[in-house]
Amino acid sequence: MNDNDRDAGREARPKRADARRNEQALLEAAAAVFVTSGVEAPIRDIAAKAGVGTATIYRHFPTRADLIVAVYRHQVEALAEAGPTLQATSETPHAALGRWIDLFVDFLVTKHGLAAVLQSDDPCFDPLHSYFLDRLLPVCTQLLDAAAAAGEIRTGQEAYELMRGVGSLCAGAGADPRYNTRHLVELLIAGLRRPH
């Protein structure tokens, strides 16, 4: 066995449970710190919030870009996994859609903290938009289709159009205290209702 074979074997091994927990804690702490302090926040702030040392962060994420990409993917995955859960546990398909869109708004507000980096010239961030669409469009489509099949919303609604509209409403938030993103998104979701 040569060194390359040994390295490949090491990479193929699944992470230990405690390492996965540390990584999850780091991703959640980093997301929270990015929202309040931006992506340039000191690594020591993220480590303190996660309750680990800075060396642990660098062991999991050797560069800041690695951490940013991982946070973004982690948040997309959580949002993708929430769709089926909400569909199974909500009173109605429309309620599931509304709750998922609420989580999507939270995600977009967090993502705005990453916006400058995601629009940078660094090629490591290029695949993130496609990843976002590939993971979330099917979830939103499923929620829309279920609400339409239940007769709760108009048929023929496009997930991309809805997500783009919600994104545009979130982009307008800024520092204006009179601009209530969540209220406008609620109006948008209410507007999907089928007239009786």
Protein backbone atom coordinates (compact mmCIF):
# COMPACT_ATOMS: atom_id res chain seq x y z
CA MET A 1 0.00 0.00 0.00
CA ASN A 2 1.48 3.36 -0.96
CA ASP A 3 0.96 6.73 0.77
CA ASN A 4 -1.82 7.73 -1.65
CA ASP A 5 -3.78 4.57 -0.81
CA ARG A 6 -3.41 5.26 2.90
CA ASP A 7 -4.60 8.88 2.41
CA ALA A 8 -7.59 7.71 0.36
CA GLY A 9 -8.51 5.23 3.10
CA ARG A 10 -8.32 7.97 5.70
CA GLU A 11 -10.64 10.22 3.68
CA ALA A 12 -13.16 7.43 3.10
CA ARG A 13 -13.59 6.70 6.81
CA PRO A 14 -16.68 8.34 8.31
CA LYS A 15 -16.13 10.97 10.98
CA ARG A 16 -16.51 9.97 14.60
CA ALA A 17 -19.75 11.02 16.30
CA ASP A 18 -17.98 13.58 18.51
CA ALA A 19 -16.23 15.08 15.47
CA ARG A 20 -19.60 15.39 13.68
CA ARG A 21 -21.12 17.05 16.77
CA ASN A 22 -18.19 19.49 16.96
CA GLU A 23 -18.60 20.31 13.29
CA GLN A 24 -22.36 20.91 13.68
CA ALA A 25 -21.75 23.14 16.72
CA LEU A 26 -19.13 25.08 14.77
CA LEU A 27 -21.44 25.58 11.79
CA GLU A 28 -24.30 26.79 13.97
CA ALA A 29 -22.01 29.10 15.95
CA ALA A 30 -20.43 30.47 12.76
CA ALA A 31 -23.86 31.13 11.22
CA ALA A 32 -24.95 33.04 14.33
CA VAL A 33 -21.73 35.07 14.46
CA PHE A 34 -21.88 35.81 10.71
CA VAL A 35 -25.39 37.24 11.14
CA THR A 36 -24.38 39.59 13.94
CA SER A 37 -20.78 40.42 13.00
CA GLY A 38 -20.33 39.50 9.33
CA VAL A 39 -18.13 36.86 7.73
CA GLU A 40 -14.95 38.66 8.72
CA ALA A 41 -15.70 38.14 12.42
CA PRO A 42 -12.69 36.85 14.37
CA ILE A 43 -12.40 33.07 14.44
CA ARG A 44 -11.97 33.28 18.23
CA ASP A 45 -15.55 34.67 18.46
CA ILE A 46 -16.90 31.65 16.59
CA ALA A 47 -14.80 29.29 18.72
CA ALA A 48 -16.09 30.92 21.93
CA LYS A 49 -19.70 30.66 20.78
CA ALA A 50 -19.18 26.99 19.87
CA GLY A 51 -17.33 26.25 23.10
CA VAL A 52 -14.19 24.97 21.35
CA GLY A 53 -10.66 26.20 20.73
CA THR A 54 -9.65 27.97 17.52
CA ALA A 55 -7.47 24.97 16.60
CA THR A 56 -10.64 22.87 16.40
CA ILE A 57 -12.11 25.28 13.85
CA TYR A 58 -8.97 25.19 11.71
CA ARG A 59 -8.86 21.39 11.94
CA HIS A 60 -12.38 21.21 10.45
CA PHE A 61 -12.12 24.25 8.16
CA PRO A 62 -8.55 25.16 7.17
CA THR A 63 -9.59 28.48 5.56
CA ARG A 64 -12.29 31.06 6.17
CA ALA A 65 -13.67 30.28 2.71
CA ASP A 66 -14.04 26.61 3.72
CA LEU A 67 -16.02 27.70 6.78
CA ILE A 68 -18.25 30.08 4.80
CA VAL A 69 -19.06 27.41 2.20
CA ALA A 70 -19.78 24.86 4.93
CA VAL A 71 -22.09 27.26 6.81
CA TYR A 72 -24.00 28.04 3.63
CA ARG A 73 -24.37 24.35 2.73
CA HIS A 74 -25.37 23.46 6.30
CA GLN A 75 -28.13 26.07 6.24
CA VAL A 76 -29.37 24.94 2.82
CA GLU A 77 -29.48 21.32 4.04
CA ALA A 78 -31.43 22.25 7.17
CA LEU A 79 -33.95 24.13 5.04
CA ALA A 80 -34.22 21.27 2.54
CA GLU A 81 -34.82 18.75 5.33
CA ALA A 82 -37.44 20.98 6.99
CA GLY A 83 -39.80 20.77 3.99
CA PRO A 84 -40.83 17.11 4.29
CA THR A 85 -40.93 17.37 8.09
CA LEU A 86 -43.29 20.35 7.96
CA GLN A 87 -45.42 18.64 5.34
CA ALA A 88 -45.79 15.59 7.61
CA THR A 89 -46.50 17.54 10.82
CA SER A 90 -48.53 20.60 9.77
CA GLU A 91 -52.33 20.77 9.92
CA THR A 92 -52.60 21.63 6.23
CA PRO A 93 -50.31 21.79 3.20
CA HIS A 94 -50.76 25.58 3.10
CA ALA A 95 -49.63 25.83 6.73
CA ALA A 96 -46.56 23.71 5.88
CA LEU A 97 -45.78 26.00 2.95
CA GLY A 98 -46.15 29.10 5.13
CA ARG A 99 -43.88 27.71 7.84
CA TRP A 100 -41.26 26.66 5.29
CA ILE A 101 -41.32 30.10 3.66
CA ASP A 102 -40.83 31.59 7.14
CA LEU A 103 -37.69 29.45 7.54
CA PHE A 104 -36.63 30.48 4.03
CA VAL A 105 -36.90 34.14 5.08
CA ASP A 106 -34.69 33.40 8.09
CA PHE A 107 -32.19 31.74 5.76
CA LEU A 108 -32.19 34.69 3.35
CA VAL A 109 -31.62 37.16 6.17
CA THR A 110 -28.63 35.05 7.29
CA LYS A 111 -27.42 34.73 3.71
CA HIS A 112 -27.37 38.50 3.38
CA GLY A 113 -24.52 38.42 5.89
CA LEU A 114 -22.67 36.25 3.36
CA ALA A 115 -23.73 38.25 0.29
CA ALA A 116 -20.48 40.17 -0.24
CA VAL A 117 -18.42 37.00 -0.10
CA LEU A 118 -20.81 35.03 -2.29
CA GLN A 119 -20.59 37.75 -4.94
CA SER A 120 -16.80 37.83 -4.80
CA ASP A 121 -14.48 36.71 -7.60
CA ASP A 122 -13.31 33.70 -5.57
CA PRO A 123 -14.19 30.63 -7.70
CA CYS A 124 -14.74 28.45 -4.62
CA PHE A 125 -18.08 30.23 -4.10
CA ASP A 126 -19.33 29.76 -7.69
CA PRO A 127 -21.16 26.43 -7.15
CA LEU A 128 -23.16 27.68 -4.15
CA HIS A 129 -26.00 29.27 -6.11
CA SER A 130 -26.55 26.10 -8.15
CA TYR A 131 -26.41 24.04 -4.96
CA PHE A 132 -29.03 26.33 -3.41
CA LEU A 133 -31.38 25.91 -6.39
CA ASP A 134 -30.78 22.16 -6.78
CA ARG A 135 -31.61 21.48 -3.13
CA LEU A 136 -34.42 23.98 -2.46
CA LEU A 137 -36.44 24.22 -5.69
CA PRO A 138 -37.69 20.61 -5.42
CA VAL A 139 -38.69 21.14 -1.78
CA CYS A 140 -40.62 24.32 -2.55
CA THR A 141 -42.21 22.64 -5.60
CA GLN A 142 -43.38 19.72 -3.46
CA LEU A 143 -44.92 22.07 -0.89
CA LEU A 144 -46.66 24.12 -3.60
CA ASP A 145 -47.95 21.01 -5.36
CA ALA A 146 -49.33 19.59 -2.11
CA ALA A 147 -51.16 22.84 -1.29
CA ALA A 148 -52.54 23.02 -4.85
CA ALA A 149 -53.65 19.35 -4.75
CA ALA A 150 -55.48 20.08 -1.48
CA GLY A 151 -57.30 22.94 -3.22
CA GLU A 152 -55.77 25.52 -0.86
CA ILE A 153 -53.84 27.55 -3.44
CA ARG A 154 -54.13 28.28 -7.13
CA THR A 155 -52.60 25.64 -9.37
CA GLY A 156 -49.63 26.34 -11.61
CA GLN A 157 -47.47 28.21 -9.10
CA GLU A 158 -43.76 28.09 -9.88
CA ALA A 159 -41.32 27.47 -7.02
CA TYR A 160 -38.56 29.52 -8.67
CA GLU A 161 -40.86 32.51 -9.11
CA LEU A 162 -42.07 32.31 -5.49
CA MET A 163 -38.56 31.93 -4.07
CA ARG A 164 -37.29 34.77 -6.23
CA GLY A 165 -40.17 36.99 -5.06
CA VAL A 166 -39.50 36.20 -1.41
CA GLY A 167 -35.81 36.89 -2.00
CA SER A 168 -36.60 40.28 -3.52
CA LEU A 169 -38.78 41.18 -0.55
CA CYS A 170 -35.97 40.18 1.83
CA ALA A 171 -33.42 42.23 -0.12
CA GLY A 172 -35.46 45.36 0.53
CA ALA A 173 -35.21 45.12 4.32
CA GLY A 174 -32.01 47.06 4.97
CA ALA A 175 -32.02 49.48 7.88
CA ASP A 176 -35.51 50.94 7.37
CA PRO A 177 -37.50 50.07 10.52
CA ARG A 178 -40.78 50.73 8.67
CA TYR A 179 -40.04 47.97 6.14
CA ASN A 180 -41.46 44.73 7.55
CA THR A 181 -40.18 41.88 5.40
CA ARG A 182 -42.08 39.18 7.25
CA HIS A 183 -45.39 41.02 6.89
CA LEU A 184 -44.87 41.45 3.13
CA VAL A 185 -43.96 37.77 2.72
CA GLU A 186 -47.11 36.80 4.67
CA LEU A 187 -49.16 38.89 2.23
CA LEU A 188 -47.46 37.14 -0.68
CA ILE A 189 -48.23 33.67 0.72
CA ALA A 190 -51.82 34.70 1.52
CA GLY A 191 -52.13 35.84 -2.09
CA LEU A 192 -51.52 32.28 -3.27
CA ARG A 193 -54.84 31.22 -1.69
CA ARG A 194 -57.48 30.04 -4.05
CA PRO A 195 -60.52 32.34 -4.15
CA HIS A 196 -63.67 30.72 -2.74
